[in-house]
Amino acid sequence: MGGVPATGVSAVVLNVTVTQPTTGSFLTVYPSGTTRPLASSLNFVAAQTVPNLVVAKVGADGKVGVYNNNVVTGRLDLRDRRPRSPFPRTIAP
């Protein structure tokens, strides 16, 4: 896919995976340059390998931040990106 373009993207779809953490914790994926939300994107316990599909808005710089309160081995794979739309879309019932 070649990464995320610097402009024209409002969100990304990521496969977030944690591999064999030594303790339970969580990861939060959020738009870079913004305040971290209180919600988690992935929860895990010690010795688990856990994937989760996450849709995250990107910051003004086109990036996401990842927070964890511990040291873990993880991976973020870009699955898709959503174009920035100049207007909200209406979905017909």
PDB file of N, CA and C in Angstrom:
ATOM      1  N   MET A   1       0.819  -1.178   0.000  1.00  0.00           N
ATOM      2  CA  MET A   1       0.000   0.000   0.000  1.00  0.00           C
ATOM      3  C   MET A   1       0.867   1.246   0.000  1.00  0.00           C
ATOM      4  N   GLY A   2       2.083   1.188   0.485  1.00  0.00           N
ATOM      5  CA  GLY A   2       2.987   2.319   0.378  1.00  0.00           C
ATOM      6  C   GLY A   2       2.873   3.362   1.469  1.00  0.00           C
ATOM      7  N   GLY A   3       2.174   3.111   2.557  1.00  0.00           N
ATOM      8  CA  GLY A   3       2.091   4.071   3.638  1.00  0.00           C
ATOM      9  C   GLY A   3       0.926   5.033   3.475  1.00  0.00           C
ATOM     10  N   VAL A   4       0.915   6.055   4.317  1.00  0.00           N
ATOM     11  CA  VAL A   4      -0.174   7.019   4.333  1.00  0.00           C
ATOM     12  C   VAL A   4       0.308   8.320   3.694  1.00  0.00           C
ATOM     13  N   PRO A   5      -0.438   8.851   2.724  1.00  0.00           N
ATOM     14  CA  PRO A   5      -0.064  10.136   2.142  1.00  0.00           C
ATOM     15  C   PRO A   5      -0.087  11.242   3.200  1.00  0.00           C
ATOM     16  N   ALA A   6       0.706  12.274   3.010  1.00  0.00           N
ATOM     17  CA  ALA A   6       0.796  13.362   3.984  1.00  0.00           C
ATOM     18  C   ALA A   6      -0.493  14.174   4.064  1.00  0.00           C
ATOM     19  N   THR A   7      -1.303  14.183   3.002  1.00  0.00           N
ATOM     20  CA  THR A   7      -2.547  14.945   3.010  1.00  0.00           C
ATOM     21  C   THR A   7      -3.675  14.100   2.420  1.00  0.00           C
ATOM     22  N   GLY A   8      -4.908  14.533   2.673  1.00  0.00           N
ATOM     23  CA  GLY A   8      -6.063  13.891   2.063  1.00  0.00           C
ATOM     24  C   GLY A   8      -6.569  12.645   2.747  1.00  0.00           C
ATOM     25  N   VAL A   9      -6.049  12.319   3.934  1.00  0.00           N
ATOM     26  CA  VAL A   9      -6.482  11.119   4.655  1.00  0.00           C
ATOM     27  C   VAL A   9      -7.064  11.540   5.997  1.00  0.00           C
ATOM     28  N   SER A  10      -8.229  10.999   6.344  1.00  0.00           N
ATOM     29  CA  SER A  10      -8.846  11.351   7.626  1.00  0.00           C
ATOM     30  C   SER A  10      -8.704  10.245   8.667  1.00  0.00           C
ATOM     31  N   ALA A  11      -8.556   9.003   8.220  1.00  0.00           N
ATOM     32  CA  ALA A  11      -8.462   7.881   9.156  1.00  0.00           C
ATOM     33  C   ALA A  11      -7.714   6.725   8.506  1.00  0.00           C
ATOM     34  N   VAL A  12      -7.226   5.826   9.354  1.00  0.00           N
ATOM     35  CA  VAL A  12      -6.550   4.619   8.876  1.00  0.00           C
ATOM     36  C   VAL A  12      -7.173   3.404   9.545  1.00  0.00           C
ATOM     37  N   VAL A  13      -7.087   2.277   8.861  1.00  0.00           N
ATOM     38  CA  VAL A  13      -7.515   0.997   9.416  1.00  0.00           C
ATOM     39  C   VAL A  13      -6.239   0.211   9.680  1.00  0.00           C
ATOM     40  N   LEU A  14      -6.036  -0.149  10.937  1.00  0.00           N
ATOM     41  CA  LEU A  14      -4.802  -0.812  11.356  1.00  0.00           C
ATOM     42  C   LEU A  14      -5.100  -2.161  11.986  1.00  0.00           C
ATOM     43  N   ASN A  15      -4.252  -3.119  11.727  1.00  0.00           N
ATOM     44  CA  ASN A  15      -4.267  -4.364  12.483  1.00  0.00           C
ATOM     45  C   ASN A  15      -3.216  -4.180  13.570  1.00  0.00           C
ATOM     46  N   VAL A  16      -3.651  -4.065  14.817  1.00  0.00           N
ATOM     47  CA  VAL A  16      -2.758  -3.836  15.954  1.00  0.00           C
ATOM     48  C   VAL A  16      -2.591  -5.155  16.693  1.00  0.00           C
ATOM     49  N   THR A  17      -1.346  -5.578  16.886  1.00  0.00           N
ATOM     50  CA  THR A  17      -1.077  -6.863  17.536  1.00  0.00           C
ATOM     51  C   THR A  17      -0.042  -6.690  18.643  1.00  0.00           C
ATOM     52  N   VAL A  18      -0.306  -7.297  19.792  1.00  0.00           N
ATOM     53  CA  VAL A  18       0.656  -7.362  20.892  1.00  0.00           C
ATOM     54  C   VAL A  18       1.087  -8.817  21.009  1.00  0.00           C
ATOM     55  N   THR A  19       2.397  -9.023  21.194  1.00  0.00           N
ATOM     56  CA  THR A  19       2.936 -10.379  21.236  1.00  0.00           C
ATOM     57  C   THR A  19       3.622 -10.672  22.563  1.00  0.00           C
ATOM     58  N   GLN A  20       3.104 -11.636  23.283  1.00  0.00           N
ATOM     59  CA  GLN A  20       3.691 -12.163  24.514  1.00  0.00           C
ATOM     60  C   GLN A  20       4.124 -11.097  25.522  1.00  0.00           C
ATOM     61  N   PRO A  21       3.218 -10.207  25.952  1.00  0.00           N
ATOM     62  CA  PRO A  21       3.601  -9.209  26.955  1.00  0.00           C
ATOM     63  C   PRO A  21       3.906  -9.877  28.297  1.00  0.00           C
ATOM     64  N   THR A  22       4.726  -9.230  29.110  1.00  0.00           N
ATOM     65  CA  THR A  22       5.082  -9.802  30.409  1.00  0.00           C
ATOM     66  C   THR A  22       4.041  -9.492  31.484  1.00  0.00           C
ATOM     67  N   THR A  23       3.153  -8.533  31.195  1.00  0.00           N
ATOM     68  CA  THR A  23       2.098  -8.171  32.134  1.00  0.00           C
ATOM     69  C   THR A  23       0.879  -7.679  31.363  1.00  0.00           C
ATOM     70  N   GLY A  24      -0.267  -7.704  32.009  1.00  0.00           N
ATOM     71  CA  GLY A  24      -1.476  -7.204  31.367  1.00  0.00           C
ATOM     72  C   GLY A  24      -1.457  -5.697  31.227  1.00  0.00           C
ATOM     73  N   SER A  25      -2.078  -5.205  30.182  1.00  0.00           N
ATOM     74  CA  SER A  25      -2.120  -3.765  29.952  1.00  0.00           C
ATOM     75  C   SER A  25      -3.093  -3.469  28.815  1.00  0.00           C
ATOM     76  N   PHE A  26      -2.894  -2.342  28.139  1.00  0.00           N
ATOM     77  CA  PHE A  26      -3.741  -1.954  27.020  1.00  0.00           C
ATOM     78  C   PHE A  26      -2.955  -1.037  26.099  1.00  0.00           C
ATOM     79  N   LEU A  27      -3.419  -0.915  24.865  1.00  0.00           N
ATOM     80  CA  LEU A  27      -2.884   0.053  23.911  1.00  0.00           C
ATOM     81  C   LEU A  27      -4.023   0.985  23.512  1.00  0.00           C
ATOM     82  N   THR A  28      -3.697   2.247  23.324  1.00  0.00           N
ATOM     83  CA  THR A  28      -4.649   3.215  22.813  1.00  0.00           C
ATOM     84  C   THR A  28      -4.049   3.836  21.558  1.00  0.00           C
ATOM     85  N   VAL A  29      -4.783   3.773  20.457  1.00  0.00           N
ATOM     86  CA  VAL A  29      -4.365   4.390  19.201  1.00  0.00           C
ATOM     87  C   VAL A  29      -5.242   5.620  18.999  1.00  0.00           C
ATOM     88  N   TYR A  30      -4.617   6.769  18.723  1.00  0.00           N
ATOM     89  CA  TYR A  30      -5.365   8.028  18.639  1.00  0.00           C
ATOM     90  C   TYR A  30      -4.655   9.004  17.699  1.00  0.00           C
ATOM     91  N   PRO A  31      -5.324  10.068  17.262  1.00  0.00           N
ATOM     92  CA  PRO A  31      -4.699  11.025  16.350  1.00  0.00           C
ATOM     93  C   PRO A  31      -3.501  11.704  17.018  1.00  0.00           C
ATOM     94  N   SER A  32      -2.350  11.723  16.347  1.00  0.00           N
ATOM     95  CA  SER A  32      -1.186  12.373  16.942  1.00  0.00           C
ATOM     96  C   SER A  32      -1.453  13.858  17.109  1.00  0.00           C
ATOM     97  N   GLY A  33      -0.841  14.428  18.132  1.00  0.00           N
ATOM     98  CA  GLY A  33      -1.007  15.846  18.389  1.00  0.00           C
ATOM     99  C   GLY A  33      -2.292  16.201  19.117  1.00  0.00           C
ATOM    100  N   THR A  34      -3.046  15.179  19.546  1.00  0.00           N
ATOM    101  CA  THR A  34      -4.282  15.419  20.289  1.00  0.00           C
ATOM    102  C   THR A  34      -4.168  14.782  21.672  1.00  0.00           C
ATOM    103  N   THR A  35      -5.103  15.098  22.535  1.00  0.00           N
ATOM    104  CA  THR A  35      -5.135  14.505  23.867  1.00  0.00           C
ATOM    105  C   THR A  35      -5.539  13.038  23.764  1.00  0.00           C
ATOM    106  N   ARG A  36      -4.823  12.187  24.466  1.00  0.00           N
ATOM    107  CA  ARG A  36      -5.127  10.755  24.442  1.00  0.00           C
ATOM    108  C   ARG A  36      -6.498  10.508  25.066  1.00  0.00           C
ATOM    109  N   PRO A  37      -7.356   9.739  24.379  1.00  0.00           N
ATOM    110  CA  PRO A  37      -8.671   9.422  24.953  1.00  0.00           C
ATOM    111  C   PRO A  37      -8.543   8.404  26.084  1.00  0.00           C
ATOM    112  N   LEU A  38      -9.602   8.263  26.859  1.00  0.00           N
ATOM    113  CA  LEU A  38      -9.605   7.310  27.966  1.00  0.00           C
ATOM    114  C   LEU A  38      -9.905   5.886  27.511  1.00  0.00           C
ATOM    115  N   ALA A  39     -10.373   5.720  26.286  1.00  0.00           N
ATOM    116  CA  ALA A  39     -10.728   4.391  25.769  1.00  0.00           C
ATOM    117  C   ALA A  39      -9.481   3.656  25.284  1.00  0.00           C
ATOM    118  N   SER A  40      -9.507   2.342  25.371  1.00  0.00           N
ATOM    119  CA  SER A  40      -8.399   1.534  24.854  1.00  0.00           C
ATOM    120  C   SER A  40      -8.781   0.943  23.501  1.00  0.00           C
ATOM    121  N   SER A  41      -7.774   0.664  22.696  1.00  0.00           N
ATOM    122  CA  SER A  41      -7.983   0.037  21.392  1.00  0.00           C
ATOM    123  C   SER A  41      -7.740  -1.465  21.446  1.00  0.00           C
ATOM    124  N   LEU A  42      -6.931  -1.903  22.425  1.00  0.00           N
ATOM    125  CA  LEU A  42      -6.583  -3.320  22.553  1.00  0.00           C
ATOM    126  C   LEU A  42      -6.244  -3.593  24.013  1.00  0.00           C
ATOM    127  N   ASN A  43      -6.886  -4.604  24.594  1.00  0.00           N
ATOM    128  CA  ASN A  43      -6.604  -5.026  25.965  1.00  0.00           C
ATOM    129  C   ASN A  43      -5.957  -6.400  25.930  1.00  0.00           C
ATOM    130  N   PHE A  44      -5.052  -6.656  26.873  1.00  0.00           N
ATOM    131  CA  PHE A  44      -4.375  -7.957  26.874  1.00  0.00           C
ATOM    132  C   PHE A  44      -3.889  -8.304  28.274  1.00  0.00           C
ATOM    133  N   VAL A  45      -3.640  -9.596  28.479  1.00  0.00           N
ATOM    134  CA  VAL A  45      -3.058 -10.095  29.723  1.00  0.00           C
ATOM    135  C   VAL A  45      -1.686 -10.671  29.407  1.00  0.00           C
ATOM    136  N   ALA A  46      -0.940 -10.990  30.438  1.00  0.00           N
ATOM    137  CA  ALA A  46       0.409 -11.526  30.263  1.00  0.00           C
ATOM    138  C   ALA A  46       0.403 -12.774  29.391  1.00  0.00           C
ATOM    139  N   ALA A  47       1.415 -12.880  28.559  1.00  0.00           N
ATOM    140  CA  ALA A  47       1.698 -14.051  27.713  1.00  0.00           C
ATOM    141  C   ALA A  47       0.724 -14.252  26.560  1.00  0.00           C
ATOM    142  N   GLN A  48      -0.162 -13.299  26.307  1.00  0.00           N
ATOM    143  CA  GLN A  48      -1.095 -13.407  25.185  1.00  0.00           C
ATOM    144  C   GLN A  48      -0.490 -12.808  23.920  1.00  0.00           C
ATOM    145  N   THR A  49      -0.907 -13.341  22.786  1.00  0.00           N
ATOM    146  CA  THR A  49      -0.698 -12.667  21.507  1.00  0.00           C
ATOM    147  C   THR A  49      -2.094 -12.307  21.028  1.00  0.00           C
ATOM    148  N   VAL A  50      -2.359 -10.999  20.941  1.00  0.00           N
ATOM    149  CA  VAL A  50      -3.713 -10.522  20.679  1.00  0.00           C
ATOM    150  C   VAL A  50      -3.717  -9.524  19.530  1.00  0.00           C
ATOM    151  N   PRO A  51      -4.501  -9.802  18.467  1.00  0.00           N
ATOM    152  CA  PRO A  51      -4.682  -8.814  17.408  1.00  0.00           C
ATOM    153  C   PRO A  51      -6.027  -8.103  17.566  1.00  0.00           C
ATOM    154  N   ASN A  52      -6.123  -6.911  16.989  1.00  0.00           N
ATOM    155  CA  ASN A  52      -7.397  -6.201  16.952  1.00  0.00           C
ATOM    156  C   ASN A  52      -7.383  -5.270  15.751  1.00  0.00           C
ATOM    157  N   LEU A  53      -8.498  -5.199  15.054  1.00  0.00           N
ATOM    158  CA  LEU A  53      -8.641  -4.274  13.937  1.00  0.00           C
ATOM    159  C   LEU A  53      -9.108  -2.935  14.497  1.00  0.00           C
ATOM    160  N   VAL A  54      -8.366  -1.867  14.202  1.00  0.00           N
ATOM    161  CA  VAL A  54      -8.627  -0.550  14.780  1.00  0.00           C
ATOM    162  C   VAL A  54      -8.791   0.474  13.663  1.00  0.00           C
ATOM    163  N   VAL A  55      -9.851   1.264  13.745  1.00  0.00           N
ATOM    164  CA  VAL A  55     -10.029   2.411  12.854  1.00  0.00           C
ATOM    165  C   VAL A  55      -9.692   3.643  13.686  1.00  0.00           C
ATOM    166  N   ALA A  56      -8.702   4.410  13.245  1.00  0.00           N
ATOM    167  CA  ALA A  56      -8.259   5.568  14.012  1.00  0.00           C
ATOM    168  C   ALA A  56      -8.152   6.797  13.123  1.00  0.00           C
ATOM    169  N   LYS A  57      -8.637   7.920  13.622  1.00  0.00           N
ATOM    170  CA  LYS A  57      -8.433   9.183  12.924  1.00  0.00           C
ATOM    171  C   LYS A  57      -6.946   9.497  12.952  1.00  0.00           C
ATOM    172  N   VAL A  58      -6.475  10.208  11.936  1.00  0.00           N
ATOM    173  CA  VAL A  58      -5.091  10.666  11.933  1.00  0.00           C
ATOM    174  C   VAL A  58      -5.054  12.114  12.384  1.00  0.00           C
ATOM    175  N   GLY A  59      -3.902  12.539  12.928  1.00  0.00           N
ATOM    176  CA  GLY A  59      -3.726  13.926  13.340  1.00  0.00           C
ATOM    177  C   GLY A  59      -3.496  14.813  12.124  1.00  0.00           C
ATOM    178  N   ALA A  60      -3.314  16.089  12.377  1.00  0.00           N
ATOM    179  CA  ALA A  60      -3.071  17.063  11.301  1.00  0.00           C
ATOM    180  C   ALA A  60      -1.824  16.713  10.495  1.00  0.00           C
ATOM    181  N   ASP A  61      -0.892  15.977  11.118  1.00  0.00           N
ATOM    182  CA  ASP A  61       0.332  15.566  10.428  1.00  0.00           C
ATOM    183  C   ASP A  61       0.186  14.236   9.694  1.00  0.00           C
ATOM    184  N   GLY A  62      -1.036  13.658   9.705  1.00  0.00           N
ATOM    185  CA  GLY A  62      -1.278  12.392   9.019  1.00  0.00           C
ATOM    186  C   GLY A  62      -0.816  11.170   9.783  1.00  0.00           C
ATOM    187  N   LYS A  63      -0.549  11.315  11.087  1.00  0.00           N
ATOM    188  CA  LYS A  63      -0.024  10.207  11.890  1.00  0.00           C
ATOM    189  C   LYS A  63      -0.964   9.871  13.048  1.00  0.00           C
ATOM    190  N   VAL A  64      -0.735   8.696  13.638  1.00  0.00           N
ATOM    191  CA  VAL A  64      -1.432   8.300  14.858  1.00  0.00           C
ATOM    192  C   VAL A  64      -0.408   8.159  15.974  1.00  0.00           C
ATOM    193  N   GLY A  65      -0.883   8.327  17.204  1.00  0.00           N
ATOM    194  CA  GLY A  65      -0.063   8.053  18.371  1.00  0.00           C
ATOM    195  C   GLY A  65      -0.498   6.724  18.960  1.00  0.00           C
ATOM    196  N   VAL A  66       0.426   6.063  19.652  1.00  0.00           N
ATOM    197  CA  VAL A  66       0.118   4.802  20.328  1.00  0.00           C
ATOM    198  C   VAL A  66       0.587   4.934  21.767  1.00  0.00           C
ATOM    199  N   TYR A  67      -0.320   4.676  22.712  1.00  0.00           N
ATOM    200  CA  TYR A  67       0.022   4.757  24.137  1.00  0.00           C
ATOM    201  C   TYR A  67      -0.060   3.378  24.773  1.00  0.00           C
ATOM    202  N   ASN A  68       0.927   3.102  25.629  1.00  0.00           N
ATOM    203  CA  ASN A  68       0.917   1.913  26.469  1.00  0.00           C
ATOM    204  C   ASN A  68       1.618   2.293  27.758  1.00  0.00           C
ATOM    205  N   ASN A  69       1.103   1.852  28.900  1.00  0.00           N
ATOM    206  CA  ASN A  69       1.726   2.212  30.168  1.00  0.00           C
ATOM    207  C   ASN A  69       2.796   1.216  30.601  1.00  0.00           C
ATOM    208  N   ASN A  70       3.230   0.360  29.687  1.00  0.00           N
ATOM    209  CA  ASN A  70       4.230  -0.651  29.981  1.00  0.00           C
ATOM    210  C   ASN A  70       5.059  -0.874  28.724  1.00  0.00           C
ATOM    211  N   VAL A  71       6.045  -1.709  28.782  1.00  0.00           N
ATOM    212  CA  VAL A  71       6.849  -2.033  27.606  1.00  0.00           C
ATOM    213  C   VAL A  71       6.306  -3.318  26.992  1.00  0.00           C
ATOM    214  N   VAL A  72       5.917  -3.252  25.717  1.00  0.00           N
ATOM    215  CA  VAL A  72       5.396  -4.431  25.022  1.00  0.00           C
ATOM    216  C   VAL A  72       6.022  -4.514  23.635  1.00  0.00           C
ATOM    217  N   THR A  73       5.974  -5.706  23.075  1.00  0.00           N
ATOM    218  CA  THR A  73       6.340  -5.899  21.687  1.00  0.00           C
ATOM    219  C   THR A  73       5.047  -5.920  20.898  1.00  0.00           C
ATOM    220  N   GLY A  74       4.962  -5.041  19.931  1.00  0.00           N
ATOM    221  CA  GLY A  74       3.727  -4.954  19.165  1.00  0.00           C
ATOM    222  C   GLY A  74       3.999  -4.652  17.709  1.00  0.00           C
ATOM    223  N   ARG A  75       2.927  -4.647  16.957  1.00  0.00           N
ATOM    224  CA  ARG A  75       3.028  -4.390  15.532  1.00  0.00           C
ATOM    225  C   ARG A  75       1.753  -3.696  15.067  1.00  0.00           C
ATOM    226  N   LEU A  76       1.923  -2.687  14.202  1.00  0.00           N
ATOM    227  CA  LEU A  76       0.797  -2.012  13.572  1.00  0.00           C
ATOM    228  C   LEU A  76       0.942  -2.191  12.074  1.00  0.00           C
ATOM    229  N   ASP A  77      -0.041  -2.830  11.471  1.00  0.00           N
ATOM    230  CA  ASP A  77      -0.047  -3.037  10.022  1.00  0.00           C
ATOM    231  C   ASP A  77      -1.154  -2.189   9.416  1.00  0.00           C
ATOM    232  N   LEU A  78      -0.800  -1.357   8.456  1.00  0.00           N
ATOM    233  CA  LEU A  78      -1.788  -0.538   7.768  1.00  0.00           C
ATOM    234  C   LEU A  78      -2.596  -1.415   6.833  1.00  0.00           C
ATOM    235  N   ARG A  79      -3.912  -1.430   7.025  1.00  0.00           N
ATOM    236  CA  ARG A  79      -4.795  -2.241   6.192  1.00  0.00           C
ATOM    237  C   ARG A  79      -5.505  -1.406   5.134  1.00  0.00           C
ATOM    238  N   ASP A  80      -5.820  -0.134   5.468  1.00  0.00           N
ATOM    239  CA  ASP A  80      -6.565   0.734   4.560  1.00  0.00           C
ATOM    240  C   ASP A  80      -6.460   2.157   5.063  1.00  0.00           C
ATOM    241  N   ARG A  81      -6.822   3.104   4.222  1.00  0.00           N
ATOM    242  CA  ARG A  81      -6.891   4.508   4.617  1.00  0.00           C
ATOM    243  C   ARG A  81      -8.167   5.100   4.055  1.00  0.00           C
ATOM    244  N   ARG A  82      -8.743   6.028   4.773  1.00  0.00           N
ATOM    245  CA  ARG A  82     -10.001   6.656   4.390  1.00  0.00           C
ATOM    246  C   ARG A  82      -9.723   8.068   3.922  1.00  0.00           C
ATOM    247  N   PRO A  83     -10.214   8.435   2.734  1.00  0.00           N
ATOM    248  CA  PRO A  83      -9.965   9.793   2.238  1.00  0.00           C
ATOM    249  C   PRO A  83     -10.694  10.840   3.066  1.00  0.00           C
ATOM    250  N   ARG A  84     -10.082  12.010   3.152  1.00  0.00           N
ATOM    251  CA  ARG A  84     -10.714  13.140   3.827  1.00  0.00           C
ATOM    252  C   ARG A  84     -11.816  13.650   2.924  1.00  0.00           C
ATOM    253  N   SER A  85     -13.022  13.757   3.428  1.00  0.00           N
ATOM    254  CA  SER A  85     -14.164  14.192   2.639  1.00  0.00           C
ATOM    255  C   SER A  85     -14.466  15.654   2.965  1.00  0.00           C
ATOM    256  N   PRO A  86     -14.728  16.472   1.964  1.00  0.00           N
ATOM    257  CA  PRO A  86     -15.038  17.872   2.221  1.00  0.00           C
ATOM    258  C   PRO A  86     -16.432  18.080   2.800  1.00  0.00           C
ATOM    259  N   PHE A  87     -17.247  17.049   2.811  1.00  0.00           N
ATOM    260  CA  PHE A  87     -18.607  17.158   3.345  1.00  0.00           C
ATOM    261  C   PHE A  87     -19.033  15.819   3.908  1.00  0.00           C
ATOM    262  N   PRO A  88     -19.949  15.836   4.902  1.00  0.00           N
ATOM    263  CA  PRO A  88     -20.430  14.568   5.445  1.00  0.00           C
ATOM    264  C   PRO A  88     -21.250  13.811   4.386  1.00  0.00           C
ATOM    265  N   ARG A  89     -21.149  12.522   4.427  1.00  0.00           N
ATOM    266  CA  ARG A  89     -21.928  11.699   3.513  1.00  0.00           C
ATOM    267  C   ARG A  89     -23.231  11.277   4.157  1.00  0.00           C
ATOM    268  N   THR A  90     -24.293  11.281   3.381  1.00  0.00           N
ATOM    269  CA  THR A  90     -25.593  10.814   3.853  1.00  0.00           C
ATOM    270  C   THR A  90     -25.822   9.419   3.291  1.00  0.00           C
ATOM    271  N   ILE A  91     -26.236   8.523   4.149  1.00  0.00           N
ATOM    272  CA  ILE A  91     -26.521   7.153   3.708  1.00  0.00           C
ATOM    273  C   ILE A  91     -28.027   6.974   3.687  1.00  0.00           C
ATOM    274  N   ALA A  92     -28.560   6.617   2.526  1.00  0.00           N
ATOM    275  CA  ALA A  92     -30.003   6.423   2.387  1.00  0.00           C
ATOM    276  C   ALA A  92     -30.430   5.142   3.091  1.00  0.00           C
ATOM    277  N   PRO A  93     -31.591   5.168   3.744  1.00  0.00           N
ATOM    278  CA  PRO A  93     -32.068   3.953   4.440  1.00  0.00           C
ATOM    279  C   PRO A  93     -32.466   2.873   3.461  1.00  0.00           C
TER     280      PRO A  93
END
